[in-house]
C-alpha atoms as a PDB file:
ATOM      1  CA  MET A   1      65.550  29.240 -49.238  1.00  0.00           C
ATOM      2  CA  ASN A   2      65.046  32.707 -47.154  1.00  0.00           C
ATOM      3  CA  PRO A   3      68.713  34.338 -46.863  1.00  0.00           C
ATOM      4  CA  ILE A   4      68.440  34.691 -42.905  1.00  0.00           C
ATOM      5  CA  LEU A   5      67.756  30.768 -42.807  1.00  0.00           C
ATOM      6  CA  ALA A   6      70.739  30.128 -45.245  1.00  0.00           C
ATOM      7  CA  ILE A   7      73.225  31.966 -43.100  1.00  0.00           C
ATOM      8  CA  PHE A   8      71.914  29.968 -40.091  1.00  0.00           C
ATOM      9  CA  LYS A   9      72.212  26.951 -42.021  1.00  0.00           C
ATOM     10  CA  GLU A  10      75.729  27.820 -43.554  1.00  0.00           C
ATOM     11  CA  HIS A  11      76.965  27.832 -39.953  1.00  0.00           C
ATOM     12  CA  ASN A  12      75.203  24.412 -39.228  1.00  0.00           C
ATOM     13  CA  ILE A  13      72.694  25.730 -36.856  1.00  0.00           C
ATOM     14  CA  SER A  14      70.264  23.054 -36.391  1.00  0.00           C
ATOM     15  CA  ASP A  15      66.564  23.153 -37.676  1.00  0.00           C
ATOM     16  CA  VAL A  16      65.641  22.847 -34.112  1.00  0.00           C
ATOM     17  CA  GLN A  17      67.918  25.827 -32.924  1.00  0.00           C
ATOM     18  CA  ILE A  18      66.374  27.901 -35.642  1.00  0.00           C
ATOM     19  CA  ASN A  19      62.843  26.943 -34.774  1.00  0.00           C
ATOM     20  CA  GLU A  20      63.717  27.690 -31.075  1.00  0.00           C
ATOM     21  CA  LEU A  21      65.300  30.946 -32.191  1.00  0.00           C
ATOM     22  CA  PHE A  22      62.097  32.407 -34.142  1.00  0.00           C
ATOM     23  CA  GLN A  23      59.875  30.855 -31.371  1.00  0.00           C
ATOM     24  CA  THR A  24      61.776  32.817 -28.794  1.00  0.00           C
ATOM     25  CA  LEU A  25      61.474  36.005 -31.341  1.00  0.00           C
ATOM     26  CA  THR A  26      57.541  35.506 -31.133  1.00  0.00           C
ATOM     27  CA  GLU A  27      57.795  35.738 -27.335  1.00  0.00           C
ATOM     28  CA  ASN A  28      60.503  37.955 -26.542  1.00  0.00           C
ATOM     29  CA  PRO A  29      62.772  39.764 -29.216  1.00  0.00           C
ATOM     30  CA  PHE A  30      65.454  40.916 -26.582  1.00  0.00           C
ATOM     31  CA  ALA A  31      65.866  37.160 -25.376  1.00  0.00           C
ATOM     32  CA  ALA A  32      66.341  36.165 -29.204  1.00  0.00           C
ATOM     33  CA  MET A  33      68.958  38.789 -29.696  1.00  0.00           C
ATOM     34  CA  ALA A  34      70.773  36.855 -26.699  1.00  0.00           C
ATOM     35  CA  THR A  35      70.144  33.564 -28.130  1.00  0.00           C
ATOM     36  CA  ILE A  36      71.698  34.986 -31.828  1.00  0.00           C
ATOM     37  CA  GLY A  37      74.737  35.903 -29.810  1.00  0.00           C
ATOM     38  CA  GLN A  38      75.233  32.306 -28.470  1.00  0.00           C
ATOM     39  CA  LEU A  39      75.107  30.588 -31.757  1.00  0.00           C
ATOM     40  CA  GLY A  40      78.677  31.235 -32.831  1.00  0.00           C
ATOM     41  CA  ILE A  41      78.135  32.916 -35.747  1.00  0.00           C
ATOM     42  CA  PRO A  42      81.024  35.061 -36.777  1.00  0.00           C
ATOM     43  CA  ALA A  43      80.640  38.923 -36.123  1.00  0.00           C
ATOM     44  CA  GLU A  44      80.965  39.725 -39.806  1.00  0.00           C
ATOM     45  CA  LYS A  45      78.041  37.440 -40.465  1.00  0.00           C
ATOM     46  CA  LEU A  46      75.589  38.791 -37.942  1.00  0.00           C
ATOM     47  CA  GLN A  47      76.593  42.287 -39.194  1.00  0.00           C
ATOM     48  CA  GLN A  48      75.832  41.171 -42.923  1.00  0.00           C
ATOM     49  CA  LEU A  49      72.396  39.295 -41.543  1.00  0.00           C
ATOM     50  CA  MET A  50      71.591  42.755 -39.320  1.00  0.00           C
ATOM     51  CA  SER A  51      72.133  44.707 -42.553  1.00  0.00           C
ATOM     52  CA  MET A  52      69.852  42.457 -44.703  1.00  0.00           C
ATOM     53  CA  VAL A  53      67.148  42.778 -42.104  1.00  0.00           C
ATOM     54  CA  MET A  54      67.369  46.547 -42.015  1.00  0.00           C
ATOM     55  CA  GLN A  55      67.414  46.737 -45.750  1.00  0.00           C
ATOM     56  CA  ASN A  56      64.361  44.337 -46.310  1.00  0.00           C
ATOM     57  CA  PRO A  57      62.298  43.695 -42.635  1.00  0.00           C
ATOM     58  CA  ALA A  58      60.057  41.434 -44.815  1.00  0.00           C
ATOM     59  CA  LEU A  59      62.808  38.865 -44.600  1.00  0.00           C
ATOM     60  CA  ILE A  60      61.571  38.180 -41.164  1.00  0.00           C
ATOM     61  CA  LYS A  61      58.209  37.538 -42.070  1.00  0.00           C
ATOM     62  CA  GLU A  62      59.343  35.404 -45.096  1.00  0.00           C
ATOM     63  CA  ALA A  63      61.549  33.324 -42.512  1.00  0.00           C
ATOM     64  CA  VAL A  64      58.775  32.988 -39.780  1.00  0.00           C
ATOM     65  CA  GLU A  65      56.337  32.074 -42.334  1.00  0.00           C
ATOM     66  CA  GLU A  66      58.885  29.315 -44.112  1.00  0.00           C
ATOM     67  CA  LEU A  67      59.152  27.790 -40.822  1.00  0.00           C
ATOM     68  CA  GLY A  68      55.460  27.397 -40.213  1.00  0.00           C
ATOM     69  CA  LEU A  69      55.145  29.846 -37.273  1.00  0.00           C
ATOM     70  CA  ASP A  70      52.473  32.626 -36.697  1.00  0.00           C
ATOM     71  CA  PHE A  71      54.109  36.186 -37.669  1.00  0.00           C
ATOM     72  CA  SER A  72      51.088  37.800 -35.864  1.00  0.00           C
ATOM     73  CA  LYS A  73      53.116  36.866 -32.791  1.00  0.00           C
ATOM     74  CA  VAL A  74      56.152  38.717 -33.804  1.00  0.00           C
ATOM     75  CA  GLU A  75      54.017  41.681 -34.628  1.00  0.00           C
ATOM     76  CA  ALA A  76      52.691  41.510 -31.120  1.00  0.00           C
ATOM     77  CA  ALA A  77      55.759  41.036 -29.480  1.00  0.00           C
ATOM     78  CA  LYS A  78      57.102  44.079 -31.561  1.00  0.00           C
ATOM     79  CA  ALA A  79      54.180  46.055 -30.261  1.00  0.00           C
ATOM     80  CA  GLN A  80      55.127  45.552 -26.820  1.00  0.00           C
ATOM     81  CA  LEU A  81      58.664  46.887 -27.316  1.00  0.00           C
ATOM     82  CA  GLN A  82      57.307  50.106 -28.214  1.00  0.00           C
ATOM     83  CA  PRO A  83      57.127  53.207 -26.088  1.00  0.00           C
END
């Protein structure tokens, strides 16, 4: 299992919530960050999660693909954030 998804599972985040979070990520990354903050994951685990993603950004792609979502939408959302 993808380590991002494993952290969510470890904190009893439902499959529905995980899918909604990644769907939000494909549409609006800023909203996804706000949603992550509302999931009740302890700050130290969020820091660990962010560190993992920063060291290996491909983990997001792997998680999106594992959930059966379209990674090109994540790339499109990311491109909209670029100046």
